[in-house]
Amino acid sequence: MIRLPSPRRTCGRQILAASDATARPMKAEARAVLLRWIALGRKWIGELSRSSTLDLDQLAQRQGCTRRHVDRVIGYAFLAPDIVTAIAEGRLPRGVTASVLADAPMLWSEQWRAIGLEQPSR
């Protein structure tokens, strides 16, 4: 797991490290992977909810991947909307990657803390 510098603070809509006001944003490639997996996880959740006979094992077989991969990708569908927005807008710092978010807690308010950041004020 990658540890991000601490403490963190928000400045407007941009997330900044208190110790490094010039924190680099997440890499475009990392952002693209996350957005793809979020979309795919949401798609698979939709497929599972529309079918009473489809299960995770069948979905994995149909997709040509392991059940573990399906479980992991589906987890991205449950990221907090403000985290997804921050990813899409490139506001998360470098170091926040798919693997960092893979085991994010289900509770949205806890997800920010799990990645070592404060939730931006609204």
PDB file of N, CA and C in Angstrom:
ATOM      1  N   MET A   1       0.838  -1.176   0.000  1.00  0.00           N
ATOM      2  CA  MET A   1       0.000   0.000   0.000  1.00  0.00           C
ATOM      3  C   MET A   1       0.885   1.242   0.000  1.00  0.00           C
ATOM      4  N   ILE A   2       0.526   2.206  -0.773  1.00  0.00           N
ATOM      5  CA  ILE A   2       1.278   3.453  -0.867  1.00  0.00           C
ATOM      6  C   ILE A   2       0.790   4.397   0.220  1.00  0.00           C
ATOM      7  N   ARG A   3       1.704   4.958   0.965  1.00  0.00           N
ATOM      8  CA  ARG A   3       1.370   5.942   1.994  1.00  0.00           C
ATOM      9  C   ARG A   3       1.536   7.333   1.406  1.00  0.00           C
ATOM     10  N   LEU A   4       0.520   8.144   1.568  1.00  0.00           N
ATOM     11  CA  LEU A   4       0.568   9.514   1.073  1.00  0.00           C
ATOM     12  C   LEU A   4       1.047  10.432   2.186  1.00  0.00           C
ATOM     13  N   PRO A   5       1.695  11.550   1.822  1.00  0.00           N
ATOM     14  CA  PRO A   5       2.140  12.487   2.844  1.00  0.00           C
ATOM     15  C   PRO A   5       0.963  12.965   3.683  1.00  0.00           C
ATOM     16  N   SER A   6       1.210  13.224   4.938  1.00  0.00           N
ATOM     17  CA  SER A   6       0.162  13.652   5.844  1.00  0.00           C
ATOM     18  C   SER A   6       0.683  14.860   6.606  1.00  0.00           C
ATOM     19  N   PRO A   7      -0.078  15.727   7.130  1.00  0.00           N
ATOM     20  CA  PRO A   7      -1.515  15.795   7.014  1.00  0.00           C
ATOM     21  C   PRO A   7      -1.964  16.403   5.689  1.00  0.00           C
ATOM     22  N   ARG A   8      -3.223  16.224   5.387  1.00  0.00           N
ATOM     23  CA  ARG A   8      -3.797  16.740   4.140  1.00  0.00           C
ATOM     24  C   ARG A   8      -4.792  17.850   4.473  1.00  0.00           C
ATOM     25  N   ARG A   9      -4.954  18.761   3.573  1.00  0.00           N
ATOM     26  CA  ARG A   9      -5.977  19.805   3.706  1.00  0.00           C
ATOM     27  C   ARG A   9      -6.539  20.076   2.319  1.00  0.00           C
ATOM     28  N   THR A  10      -7.677  20.705   2.285  1.00  0.00           N
ATOM     29  CA  THR A  10      -8.251  21.062   0.993  1.00  0.00           C
ATOM     30  C   THR A  10      -8.116  22.553   0.789  1.00  0.00           C
ATOM     31  N   CYS A  11      -7.991  22.928  -0.433  1.00  0.00           N
ATOM     32  CA  CYS A  11      -7.879  24.334  -0.796  1.00  0.00           C
ATOM     33  C   CYS A  11      -8.825  24.547  -1.960  1.00  0.00           C
ATOM     34  N   GLY A  12     -10.001  25.093  -1.701  1.00  0.00           N
ATOM     35  CA  GLY A  12     -11.002  25.196  -2.750  1.00  0.00           C
ATOM     36  C   GLY A  12     -11.439  23.806  -3.158  1.00  0.00           C
ATOM     37  N   ARG A  13     -11.432  23.526  -4.458  1.00  0.00           N
ATOM     38  CA  ARG A  13     -11.812  22.210  -4.944  1.00  0.00           C
ATOM     39  C   ARG A  13     -10.602  21.331  -5.189  1.00  0.00           C
ATOM     40  N   GLN A  14      -9.417  21.867  -5.048  1.00  0.00           N
ATOM     41  CA  GLN A  14      -8.207  21.094  -5.306  1.00  0.00           C
ATOM     42  C   GLN A  14      -7.661  20.532  -3.997  1.00  0.00           C
ATOM     43  N   ILE A  15      -7.275  19.283  -4.007  1.00  0.00           N
ATOM     44  CA  ILE A  15      -6.721  18.658  -2.818  1.00  0.00           C
ATOM     45  C   ILE A  15      -5.216  18.886  -2.805  1.00  0.00           C
ATOM     46  N   LEU A  16      -4.716  19.402  -1.689  1.00  0.00           N
ATOM     47  CA  LEU A  16      -3.294  19.698  -1.575  1.00  0.00           C
ATOM     48  C   LEU A  16      -2.732  19.062  -0.317  1.00  0.00           C
ATOM     49  N   ALA A  17      -1.495  18.696  -0.363  1.00  0.00           N
ATOM     50  CA  ALA A  17      -0.796  18.230   0.833  1.00  0.00           C
ATOM     51  C   ALA A  17      -0.344  19.452   1.605  1.00  0.00           C
ATOM     52  N   ALA A  18      -0.576  19.446   2.898  1.00  0.00           N
ATOM     53  CA  ALA A  18      -0.177  20.593   3.717  1.00  0.00           C
ATOM     54  C   ALA A  18       1.326  20.814   3.641  1.00  0.00           C
ATOM     55  N   SER A  19       2.086  19.726   3.521  1.00  0.00           N
ATOM     56  CA  SER A  19       3.538  19.859   3.489  1.00  0.00           C
ATOM     57  C   SER A  19       4.076  20.117   2.089  1.00  0.00           C
ATOM     58  N   ASP A  20       3.223  19.991   1.072  1.00  0.00           N
ATOM     59  CA  ASP A  20       3.677  20.154  -0.313  1.00  0.00           C
ATOM     60  C   ASP A  20       2.564  20.777  -1.142  1.00  0.00           C
ATOM     61  N   ALA A  21       2.505  22.101  -1.148  1.00  0.00           N
ATOM     62  CA  ALA A  21       1.436  22.811  -1.840  1.00  0.00           C
ATOM     63  C   ALA A  21       1.480  22.585  -3.355  1.00  0.00           C
ATOM     64  N   THR A  22       2.551  21.997  -3.859  1.00  0.00           N
ATOM     65  CA  THR A  22       2.652  21.746  -5.295  1.00  0.00           C
ATOM     66  C   THR A  22       2.501  20.246  -5.583  1.00  0.00           C
ATOM     67  N   ALA A  23       1.712  19.548  -4.766  1.00  0.00           N
ATOM     68  CA  ALA A  23       1.510  18.102  -4.942  1.00  0.00           C
ATOM     69  C   ALA A  23       1.075  17.816  -6.380  1.00  0.00           C
ATOM     70  N   ARG A  24       1.716  16.799  -6.960  1.00  0.00           N
ATOM     71  CA  ARG A  24       1.398  16.463  -8.348  1.00  0.00           C
ATOM     72  C   ARG A  24       0.092  15.688  -8.416  1.00  0.00           C
ATOM     73  N   PRO A  25      -0.723  15.968  -9.426  1.00  0.00           N
ATOM     74  CA  PRO A  25      -1.986  15.238  -9.569  1.00  0.00           C
ATOM     75  C   PRO A  25      -1.744  13.804 -10.007  1.00  0.00           C
ATOM     76  N   MET A  26      -2.754  12.979  -9.849  1.00  0.00           N
ATOM     77  CA  MET A  26      -2.648  11.582 -10.234  1.00  0.00           C
ATOM     78  C   MET A  26      -2.347  11.490 -11.721  1.00  0.00           C
ATOM     79  N   LYS A  27      -1.642  10.446 -12.095  1.00  0.00           N
ATOM     80  CA  LYS A  27      -1.274  10.247 -13.487  1.00  0.00           C
ATOM     81  C   LYS A  27      -2.519   9.993 -14.328  1.00  0.00           C
ATOM     82  N   ALA A  28      -2.503  10.476 -15.560  1.00  0.00           N
ATOM     83  CA  ALA A  28      -3.638  10.298 -16.470  1.00  0.00           C
ATOM     84  C   ALA A  28      -3.936   8.822 -16.694  1.00  0.00           C
ATOM     85  N   GLU A  29      -2.884   8.006 -16.756  1.00  0.00           N
ATOM     86  CA  GLU A  29      -3.084   6.569 -16.973  1.00  0.00           C
ATOM     87  C   GLU A  29      -3.807   5.942 -15.788  1.00  0.00           C
ATOM     88  N   ALA A  30      -3.432   6.330 -14.573  1.00  0.00           N
ATOM     89  CA  ALA A  30      -4.082   5.806 -13.369  1.00  0.00           C
ATOM     90  C   ALA A  30      -5.538   6.241 -13.332  1.00  0.00           C
ATOM     91  N   ARG A  31      -5.792   7.488 -13.717  1.00  0.00           N
ATOM     92  CA  ARG A  31      -7.164   8.001 -13.755  1.00  0.00           C
ATOM     93  C   ARG A  31      -7.998   7.227 -14.768  1.00  0.00           C
ATOM     94  N   ALA A  32      -7.434   6.964 -15.936  1.00  0.00           N
ATOM     95  CA  ALA A  32      -8.155   6.229 -16.980  1.00  0.00           C
ATOM     96  C   ALA A  32      -8.498   4.810 -16.536  1.00  0.00           C
ATOM     97  N   VAL A  33      -7.548   4.151 -15.881  1.00  0.00           N
ATOM     98  CA  VAL A  33      -7.802   2.787 -15.382  1.00  0.00           C
ATOM     99  C   VAL A  33      -8.940   2.808 -14.366  1.00  0.00           C
ATOM    100  N   LEU A  34      -8.869   3.730 -13.416  1.00  0.00           N
ATOM    101  CA  LEU A  34      -9.907   3.809 -12.393  1.00  0.00           C
ATOM    102  C   LEU A  34     -11.279   4.084 -12.991  1.00  0.00           C
ATOM    103  N   LEU A  35     -11.353   5.020 -13.900  1.00  0.00           N
ATOM    104  CA  LEU A  35     -12.644   5.343 -14.504  1.00  0.00           C
ATOM    105  C   LEU A  35     -13.200   4.171 -15.306  1.00  0.00           C
ATOM    106  N   ARG A  36     -12.325   3.438 -15.979  1.00  0.00           N
ATOM    107  CA  ARG A  36     -12.761   2.263 -16.736  1.00  0.00           C
ATOM    108  C   ARG A  36     -13.297   1.196 -15.791  1.00  0.00           C
ATOM    109  N   TRP A  37     -12.584   0.953 -14.698  1.00  0.00           N
ATOM    110  CA  TRP A  37     -13.017  -0.075 -13.760  1.00  0.00           C
ATOM    111  C   TRP A  37     -14.287   0.326 -13.011  1.00  0.00           C
ATOM    112  N   ILE A  38     -14.442   1.598 -12.706  1.00  0.00           N
ATOM    113  CA  ILE A  38     -15.677   2.075 -12.077  1.00  0.00           C
ATOM    114  C   ILE A  38     -16.854   1.823 -13.021  1.00  0.00           C
ATOM    115  N   ALA A  39     -16.682   2.191 -14.283  1.00  0.00           N
ATOM    116  CA  ALA A  39     -17.750   1.982 -15.273  1.00  0.00           C
ATOM    117  C   ALA A  39     -18.051   0.498 -15.448  1.00  0.00           C
ATOM    118  N   LEU A  40     -17.008  -0.319 -15.525  1.00  0.00           N
ATOM    119  CA  LEU A  40     -17.200  -1.753 -15.703  1.00  0.00           C
ATOM    120  C   LEU A  40     -17.879  -2.364 -14.477  1.00  0.00           C
ATOM    121  N   GLY A  41     -17.467  -1.952 -13.289  1.00  0.00           N
ATOM    122  CA  GLY A  41     -18.104  -2.436 -12.060  1.00  0.00           C
ATOM    123  C   GLY A  41     -19.575  -2.082 -12.020  1.00  0.00           C
ATOM    124  N   ARG A  42     -19.915  -0.872 -12.416  1.00  0.00           N
ATOM    125  CA  ARG A  42     -21.317  -0.454 -12.446  1.00  0.00           C
ATOM    126  C   ARG A  42     -22.105  -1.243 -13.484  1.00  0.00           C
ATOM    127  N   LYS A  43     -21.479  -1.516 -14.615  1.00  0.00           N
ATOM    128  CA  LYS A  43     -22.133  -2.311 -15.660  1.00  0.00           C
ATOM    129  C   LYS A  43     -22.429  -3.715 -15.141  1.00  0.00           C
ATOM    130  N   TRP A  44     -21.433  -4.332 -14.493  1.00  0.00           N
ATOM    131  CA  TRP A  44     -21.619  -5.688 -13.988  1.00  0.00           C
ATOM    132  C   TRP A  44     -22.659  -5.743 -12.878  1.00  0.00           C
ATOM    133  N   ILE A  45     -22.698  -4.730 -12.020  1.00  0.00           N
ATOM    134  CA  ILE A  45     -23.726  -4.664 -10.974  1.00  0.00           C
ATOM    135  C   ILE A  45     -25.104  -4.617 -11.632  1.00  0.00           C
ATOM    136  N   GLY A  46     -25.231  -3.818 -12.685  1.00  0.00           N
ATOM    137  CA  GLY A  46     -26.496  -3.739 -13.413  1.00  0.00           C
ATOM    138  C   GLY A  46     -26.900  -5.081 -14.004  1.00  0.00           C
ATOM    139  N   GLU A  47     -25.939  -5.774 -14.601  1.00  0.00           N
ATOM    140  CA  GLU A  47     -26.232  -7.085 -15.179  1.00  0.00           C
ATOM    141  C   GLU A  47     -26.674  -8.075 -14.103  1.00  0.00           C
ATOM    142  N   LEU A  48     -25.995  -8.062 -12.976  1.00  0.00           N
ATOM    143  CA  LEU A  48     -26.337  -8.970 -11.891  1.00  0.00           C
ATOM    144  C   LEU A  48     -27.713  -8.657 -11.303  1.00  0.00           C
ATOM    145  N   SER A  49     -28.036  -7.379 -11.208  1.00  0.00           N
ATOM    146  CA  SER A  49     -29.327  -7.012 -10.620  1.00  0.00           C
ATOM    147  C   SER A  49     -30.498  -7.273 -11.566  1.00  0.00           C
ATOM    148  N   ARG A  50     -30.238  -7.277 -12.870  1.00  0.00           N
ATOM    149  CA  ARG A  50     -31.315  -7.534 -13.842  1.00  0.00           C
ATOM    150  C   ARG A  50     -31.566  -9.018 -14.070  1.00  0.00           C
ATOM    151  N   SER A  51     -30.643  -9.871 -13.660  1.00  0.00           N
ATOM    152  CA  SER A  51     -30.781 -11.297 -13.904  1.00  0.00           C
ATOM    153  C   SER A  51     -30.856 -12.061 -12.588  1.00  0.00           C
ATOM    154  N   SER A  52     -31.893 -12.861 -12.452  1.00  0.00           N
ATOM    155  CA  SER A  52     -32.018 -13.652 -11.225  1.00  0.00           C
ATOM    156  C   SER A  52     -31.189 -14.934 -11.303  1.00  0.00           C
ATOM    157  N   THR A  53     -30.661 -15.248 -12.474  1.00  0.00           N
ATOM    158  CA  THR A  53     -29.899 -16.487 -12.623  1.00  0.00           C
ATOM    159  C   THR A  53     -28.390 -16.267 -12.735  1.00  0.00           C
ATOM    160  N   LEU A  54     -27.949 -15.055 -13.045  1.00  0.00           N
ATOM    161  CA  LEU A  54     -26.527 -14.775 -13.207  1.00  0.00           C
ATOM    162  C   LEU A  54     -25.875 -14.585 -11.843  1.00  0.00           C
ATOM    163  N   ASP A  55     -24.770 -15.271 -11.601  1.00  0.00           N
ATOM    164  CA  ASP A  55     -24.017 -15.071 -10.368  1.00  0.00           C
ATOM    165  C   ASP A  55     -22.589 -14.648 -10.709  1.00  0.00           C
ATOM    166  N   LEU A  56     -21.803 -14.393  -9.685  1.00  0.00           N
ATOM    167  CA  LEU A  56     -20.442 -13.889  -9.896  1.00  0.00           C
ATOM    168  C   LEU A  56     -19.565 -14.879 -10.655  1.00  0.00           C
ATOM    169  N   ASP A  57     -19.706 -16.153 -10.359  1.00  0.00           N
ATOM    170  CA  ASP A  57     -18.907 -17.162 -11.064  1.00  0.00           C
ATOM    171  C   ASP A  57     -19.246 -17.197 -12.549  1.00  0.00           C
ATOM    172  N   GLN A  58     -20.531 -17.132 -12.866  1.00  0.00           N
ATOM    173  CA  GLN A  58     -20.943 -17.134 -14.276  1.00  0.00           C
ATOM    174  C   GLN A  58     -20.479 -15.862 -14.982  1.00  0.00           C
ATOM    175  N   LEU A  59     -20.576 -14.743 -14.295  1.00  0.00           N
ATOM    176  CA  LEU A  59     -20.116 -13.478 -14.872  1.00  0.00           C
ATOM    177  C   LEU A  59     -18.618 -13.549 -15.164  1.00  0.00           C
ATOM    178  N   ALA A  60     -17.851 -14.079 -14.229  1.00  0.00           N
ATOM    179  CA  ALA A  60     -16.407 -14.213 -14.425  1.00  0.00           C
ATOM    180  C   ALA A  60     -16.107 -15.115 -15.619  1.00  0.00           C
ATOM    181  N   GLN A  61     -16.810 -16.223 -15.702  1.00  0.00           N
ATOM    182  CA  GLN A  61     -16.593 -17.148 -16.822  1.00  0.00           C
ATOM    183  C   GLN A  61     -16.939 -16.465 -18.147  1.00  0.00           C
ATOM    184  N   ARG A  62     -18.040 -15.744 -18.157  1.00  0.00           N
ATOM    185  CA  ARG A  62     -18.462 -15.046 -19.376  1.00  0.00           C
ATOM    186  C   ARG A  62     -17.476 -13.963 -19.783  1.00  0.00           C
ATOM    187  N   GLN A  63     -16.853 -13.327 -18.797  1.00  0.00           N
ATOM    188  CA  GLN A  63     -15.901 -12.247 -19.071  1.00  0.00           C
ATOM    189  C   GLN A  63     -14.483 -12.777 -19.320  1.00  0.00           C
ATOM    190  N   GLY A  64     -14.278 -14.052 -19.060  1.00  0.00           N
ATOM    191  CA  GLY A  64     -12.957 -14.632 -19.266  1.00  0.00           C
ATOM    192  C   GLY A  64     -11.944 -14.200 -18.220  1.00  0.00           C
ATOM    193  N   CYS A  65     -12.421 -14.041 -16.989  1.00  0.00           N
ATOM    194  CA  CYS A  65     -11.541 -13.631 -15.904  1.00  0.00           C
ATOM    195  C   CYS A  65     -11.887 -14.441 -14.661  1.00  0.00           C
ATOM    196  N   THR A  66     -11.196 -14.165 -13.589  1.00  0.00           N
ATOM    197  CA  THR A  66     -11.451 -14.881 -12.350  1.00  0.00           C
ATOM    198  C   THR A  66     -12.557 -14.207 -11.543  1.00  0.00           C
ATOM    199  N   ARG A  67     -13.123 -14.965 -10.641  1.00  0.00           N
ATOM    200  CA  ARG A  67     -14.138 -14.389  -9.757  1.00  0.00           C
ATOM    201  C   ARG A  67     -13.507 -13.301  -8.885  1.00  0.00           C
ATOM    202  N   ARG A  68     -12.272 -13.511  -8.482  1.00  0.00           N
ATOM    203  CA  ARG A  68     -11.581 -12.510  -7.671  1.00  0.00           C
ATOM    204  C   ARG A  68     -11.513 -11.175  -8.411  1.00  0.00           C
ATOM    205  N   HIS A  69     -11.219 -11.228  -9.708  1.00  0.00           N
ATOM    206  CA  HIS A  69     -11.166  -9.999 -10.504  1.00  0.00           C
ATOM    207  C   HIS A  69     -12.544  -9.340 -10.558  1.00  0.00           C
ATOM    208  N   VAL A  70     -13.578 -10.139 -10.772  1.00  0.00           N
ATOM    209  CA  VAL A  70     -14.947  -9.597 -10.808  1.00  0.00           C
ATOM    210  C   VAL A  70     -15.275  -8.946  -9.472  1.00  0.00           C
ATOM    211  N   ASP A  71     -14.976  -9.613  -8.363  1.00  0.00           N
ATOM    212  CA  ASP A  71     -15.221  -9.043  -7.030  1.00  0.00           C
ATOM    213  C   ASP A  71     -14.520  -7.696  -6.864  1.00  0.00           C
ATOM    214  N   ARG A  72     -13.274  -7.651  -7.300  1.00  0.00           N
ATOM    215  CA  ARG A  72     -12.480  -6.430  -7.136  1.00  0.00           C
ATOM    216  C   ARG A  72     -13.043  -5.286  -7.982  1.00  0.00           C
ATOM    217  N   VAL A  73     -13.348  -5.574  -9.245  1.00  0.00           N
ATOM    218  CA  VAL A  73     -13.859  -4.520 -10.134  1.00  0.00           C
ATOM    219  C   VAL A  73     -15.222  -4.026  -9.657  1.00  0.00           C
ATOM    220  N   ILE A  74     -16.062  -4.934  -9.204  1.00  0.00           N
ATOM    221  CA  ILE A  74     -17.382  -4.519  -8.703  1.00  0.00           C
ATOM    222  C   ILE A  74     -17.234  -3.588  -7.505  1.00  0.00           C
ATOM    223  N   GLY A  75     -16.199  -3.787  -6.705  1.00  0.00           N
ATOM    224  CA  GLY A  75     -15.973  -2.909  -5.556  1.00  0.00           C
ATOM    225  C   GLY A  75     -15.812  -1.445  -5.941  1.00  0.00           C
ATOM    226  N   TYR A  76     -15.246  -1.179  -7.117  1.00  0.00           N
ATOM    227  CA  TYR A  76     -15.064   0.203  -7.567  1.00  0.00           C
ATOM    228  C   TYR A  76     -16.404   0.895  -7.851  1.00  0.00           C
ATOM    229  N   ALA A  77     -17.441   0.119  -8.102  1.00  0.00           N
ATOM    230  CA  ALA A  77     -18.767   0.694  -8.359  1.00  0.00           C
ATOM    231  C   ALA A  77     -19.339   1.356  -7.109  1.00  0.00           C
ATOM    232  N   PHE A  78     -18.774   1.031  -5.947  1.00  0.00           N
ATOM    233  CA  PHE A  78     -19.293   1.555  -4.692  1.00  0.00           C
ATOM    234  C   PHE A  78     -18.455   2.684  -4.108  1.00  0.00           C
ATOM    235  N   LEU A  79     -17.577   3.265  -4.914  1.00  0.00           N
ATOM    236  CA  LEU A  79     -16.824   4.431  -4.446  1.00  0.00           C
ATOM    237  C   LEU A  79     -17.771   5.629  -4.302  1.00  0.00           C
ATOM    238  N   ALA A  80     -17.485   6.459  -3.337  1.00  0.00           N
ATOM    239  CA  ALA A  80     -18.302   7.650  -3.088  1.00  0.00           C
ATOM    240  C   ALA A  80     -18.358   8.525  -4.340  1.00  0.00           C
ATOM    241  N   PRO A  81     -19.519   9.090  -4.626  1.00  0.00           N
ATOM    242  CA  PRO A  81     -19.645   9.946  -5.813  1.00  0.00           C
ATOM    243  C   PRO A  81     -18.630  11.083  -5.849  1.00  0.00           C
ATOM    244  N   ASP A  82     -18.313  11.672  -4.694  1.00  0.00           N
ATOM    245  CA  ASP A  82     -17.337  12.773  -4.708  1.00  0.00           C
ATOM    246  C   ASP A  82     -15.924  12.272  -4.991  1.00  0.00           C
ATOM    247  N   ILE A  83     -15.623  11.036  -4.660  1.00  0.00           N
ATOM    248  CA  ILE A  83     -14.328  10.471  -5.025  1.00  0.00           C
ATOM    249  C   ILE A  83     -14.274  10.212  -6.522  1.00  0.00           C
ATOM    250  N   VAL A  84     -15.365   9.697  -7.073  1.00  0.00           N
ATOM    251  CA  VAL A  84     -15.426   9.455  -8.521  1.00  0.00           C
ATOM    252  C   VAL A  84     -15.281  10.775  -9.271  1.00  0.00           C
ATOM    253  N   THR A  85     -15.944  11.819  -8.794  1.00  0.00           N
ATOM    254  CA  THR A  85     -15.831  13.136  -9.417  1.00  0.00           C
ATOM    255  C   THR A  85     -14.394  13.647  -9.335  1.00  0.00           C
ATOM    256  N   ALA A  86     -13.758  13.476  -8.179  1.00  0.00           N
ATOM    257  CA  ALA A  86     -12.369  13.925  -8.014  1.00  0.00           C
ATOM    258  C   ALA A  86     -11.440  13.160  -8.954  1.00  0.00           C
ATOM    259  N   ILE A  87     -11.717  11.868  -9.149  1.00  0.00           N
ATOM    260  CA  ILE A  87     -10.919  11.078 -10.093  1.00  0.00           C
ATOM    261  C   ILE A  87     -11.109  11.626 -11.502  1.00  0.00           C
ATOM    262  N   ALA A  88     -12.365  11.803 -11.901  1.00  0.00           N
ATOM    263  CA  ALA A  88     -12.673  12.270 -13.258  1.00  0.00           C
ATOM    264  C   ALA A  88     -12.068  13.641 -13.536  1.00  0.00           C
ATOM    265  N   GLU A  89     -12.046  14.502 -12.530  1.00  0.00           N
ATOM    266  CA  GLU A  89     -11.508  15.852 -12.699  1.00  0.00           C
ATOM    267  C   GLU A  89      -9.997  15.916 -12.463  1.00  0.00           C
ATOM    268  N   GLY A  90      -9.398  14.795 -12.123  1.00  0.00           N
ATOM    269  CA  GLY A  90      -7.954  14.767 -11.901  1.00  0.00           C
ATOM    270  C   GLY A  90      -7.519  15.502 -10.656  1.00  0.00           C
ATOM    271  N   ARG A  91      -8.357  15.541  -9.617  1.00  0.00           N
ATOM    272  CA  ARG A  91      -8.035  16.294  -8.400  1.00  0.00           C
ATOM    273  C   ARG A  91      -7.384  15.460  -7.312  1.00  0.00           C
ATOM    274  N   LEU A  92      -7.268  14.147  -7.515  1.00  0.00           N
ATOM    275  CA  LEU A  92      -6.603  13.338  -6.500  1.00  0.00           C
ATOM    276  C   LEU A  92      -5.100  13.365  -6.734  1.00  0.00           C
ATOM    277  N   PRO A  93      -4.322  13.270  -5.675  1.00  0.00           N
ATOM    278  CA  PRO A  93      -2.869  13.326  -5.832  1.00  0.00           C
ATOM    279  C   PRO A  93      -2.296  12.035  -6.397  1.00  0.00           C
ATOM    280  N   ARG A  94      -1.133  12.170  -6.990  1.00  0.00           N
ATOM    281  CA  ARG A  94      -0.391  11.010  -7.477  1.00  0.00           C
ATOM    282  C   ARG A  94      -0.187  10.047  -6.315  1.00  0.00           C
ATOM    283  N   GLY A  95      -0.316   8.783  -6.596  1.00  0.00           N
ATOM    284  CA  GLY A  95      -0.191   7.779  -5.547  1.00  0.00           C
ATOM    285  C   GLY A  95      -1.522   7.151  -5.211  1.00  0.00           C
ATOM    286  N   VAL A  96      -2.624   7.853  -5.519  1.00  0.00           N
ATOM    287  CA  VAL A  96      -3.943   7.254  -5.357  1.00  0.00           C
ATOM    288  C   VAL A  96      -4.211   6.485  -6.647  1.00  0.00           C
ATOM    289  N   THR A  97      -4.138   5.170  -6.533  1.00  0.00           N
ATOM    290  CA  THR A  97      -4.266   4.304  -7.700  1.00  0.00           C
ATOM    291  C   THR A  97      -5.386   3.299  -7.476  1.00  0.00           C
ATOM    292  N   ALA A  98      -5.614   2.480  -8.493  1.00  0.00           N
ATOM    293  CA  ALA A  98      -6.642   1.439  -8.397  1.00  0.00           C
ATOM    294  C   ALA A  98      -6.361   0.514  -7.220  1.00  0.00           C
ATOM    295  N   SER A  99      -5.105   0.167  -6.992  1.00  0.00           N
ATOM    296  CA  SER A  99      -4.798  -0.745  -5.882  1.00  0.00           C
ATOM    297  C   SER A  99      -5.028  -0.085  -4.526  1.00  0.00           C
ATOM    298  N   VAL A 100      -4.817   1.210  -4.424  1.00  0.00           N
ATOM    299  CA  VAL A 100      -5.079   1.923  -3.175  1.00  0.00           C
ATOM    300  C   VAL A 100      -6.580   1.930  -2.879  1.00  0.00           C
ATOM    301  N   LEU A 101      -7.398   2.087  -3.924  1.00  0.00           N
ATOM    302  CA  LEU A 101      -8.846   2.156  -3.749  1.00  0.00           C
ATOM    303  C   LEU A 101      -9.537   0.791  -3.772  1.00  0.00           C
ATOM    304  N   ALA A 102      -8.782  -0.267  -4.063  1.00  0.00           N
ATOM    305  CA  ALA A 102      -9.382  -1.598  -4.227  1.00  0.00           C
ATOM    306  C   ALA A 102     -10.128  -2.071  -2.989  1.00  0.00           C
ATOM    307  N   ASP A 103      -9.605  -1.799  -1.834  1.00  0.00           N
ATOM    308  CA  ASP A 103     -10.226  -2.288  -0.604  1.00  0.00           C
ATOM    309  C   ASP A 103     -10.834  -1.157   0.213  1.00  0.00           C
ATOM    310  N   ALA A 104     -11.326  -0.150  -0.476  1.00  0.00           N
ATOM    311  CA  ALA A 104     -11.930   0.990   0.214  1.00  0.00           C
ATOM    312  C   ALA A 104     -13.155   0.514   1.003  1.00  0.00           C
ATOM    313  N   PRO A 105     -13.364   1.067   2.190  1.00  0.00           N
ATOM    314  CA  PRO A 105     -14.543   0.689   2.972  1.00  0.00           C
ATOM    315  C   PRO A 105     -15.831   1.054   2.228  1.00  0.00           C
ATOM    316  N   MET A 106     -16.908   0.384   2.560  1.00  0.00           N
ATOM    317  CA  MET A 106     -18.184   0.668   1.904  1.00  0.00           C
ATOM    318  C   MET A 106     -18.759   2.015   2.344  1.00  0.00           C
ATOM    319  N   LEU A 107     -18.491   2.430   3.550  1.00  0.00           N
ATOM    320  CA  LEU A 107     -19.012   3.690   4.068  1.00  0.00           C
ATOM    321  C   LEU A 107     -18.285   4.846   3.389  1.00  0.00           C
ATOM    322  N   TRP A 108     -19.034   5.674   2.673  1.00  0.00           N
ATOM    323  CA  TRP A 108     -18.426   6.742   1.877  1.00  0.00           C
ATOM    324  C   TRP A 108     -17.564   7.676   2.706  1.00  0.00           C
ATOM    325  N   SER A 109     -18.016   8.047   3.887  1.00  0.00           N
ATOM    326  CA  SER A 109     -17.234   8.979   4.701  1.00  0.00           C
ATOM    327  C   SER A 109     -15.900   8.380   5.129  1.00  0.00           C
ATOM    328  N   GLU A 110     -15.822   7.066   5.221  1.00  0.00           N
ATOM    329  CA  GLU A 110     -14.580   6.395   5.599  1.00  0.00           C
ATOM    330  C   GLU A 110     -13.618   6.228   4.425  1.00  0.00           C
ATOM    331  N   GLN A 111     -14.129   6.300   3.205  1.00  0.00           N
ATOM    332  CA  GLN A 111     -13.279   6.088   2.030  1.00  0.00           C
ATOM    333  C   GLN A 111     -12.195   7.140   1.918  1.00  0.00           C
ATOM    334  N   TRP A 112     -12.517   8.388   2.205  1.00  0.00           N
ATOM    335  CA  TRP A 112     -11.509   9.455   2.135  1.00  0.00           C
ATOM    336  C   TRP A 112     -10.387   9.184   3.123  1.00  0.00           C
ATOM    337  N   ARG A 113     -10.746   8.814   4.357  1.00  0.00           N
ATOM    338  CA  ARG A 113      -9.738   8.534   5.370  1.00  0.00           C
ATOM    339  C   ARG A 113      -8.893   7.323   4.997  1.00  0.00           C
ATOM    340  N   ALA A 114      -9.516   6.336   4.367  1.00  0.00           N
ATOM    341  CA  ALA A 114      -8.799   5.116   3.988  1.00  0.00           C
ATOM    342  C   ALA A 114      -7.692   5.397   2.970  1.00  0.00           C
ATOM    343  N   ILE A 115      -7.875   6.428   2.155  1.00  0.00           N
ATOM    344  CA  ILE A 115      -6.835   6.765   1.175  1.00  0.00           C
ATOM    345  C   ILE A 115      -5.924   7.880   1.686  1.00  0.00           C
ATOM    346  N   GLY A 116      -6.109   8.250   2.944  1.00  0.00           N
ATOM    347  CA  GLY A 116      -5.213   9.221   3.587  1.00  0.00           C
ATOM    348  C   GLY A 116      -5.518  10.669   3.265  1.00  0.00           C
ATOM    349  N   LEU A 117      -6.774  10.959   2.928  1.00  0.00           N
ATOM    350  CA  LEU A 117      -7.153  12.329   2.585  1.00  0.00           C
ATOM    351  C   LEU A 117      -8.367  12.754   3.393  1.00  0.00           C
ATOM    352  N   GLU A 118      -8.547  14.045   3.493  1.00  0.00           N
ATOM    353  CA  GLU A 118      -9.750  14.588   4.119  1.00  0.00           C
ATOM    354  C   GLU A 118     -10.793  14.799   3.039  1.00  0.00           C
ATOM    355  N   GLN A 119     -12.053  14.576   3.387  1.00  0.00           N
ATOM    356  CA  GLN A 119     -13.134  14.817   2.444  1.00  0.00           C
ATOM    357  C   GLN A 119     -13.256  16.316   2.224  1.00  0.00           C
ATOM    358  N   PRO A 120     -13.262  16.738   0.943  1.00  0.00           N
ATOM    359  CA  PRO A 120     -13.399  18.182   0.682  1.00  0.00           C
ATOM    360  C   PRO A 120     -14.719  18.709   1.216  1.00  0.00           C
ATOM    361  N   SER A 121     -14.697  19.917   1.742  1.00  0.00           N
ATOM    362  CA  SER A 121     -15.942  20.528   2.217  1.00  0.00           C
ATOM    363  C   SER A 121     -16.784  20.938   1.021  1.00  0.00           C
ATOM    364  N   ARG A 122     -18.063  20.894   1.226  1.00  0.00           N
ATOM    365  CA  ARG A 122     -18.992  21.177   0.115  1.00  0.00           C
ATOM    366  C   ARG A 122     -19.450  22.589   0.112  1.00  0.00           C
TER     367      ARG A 122
END
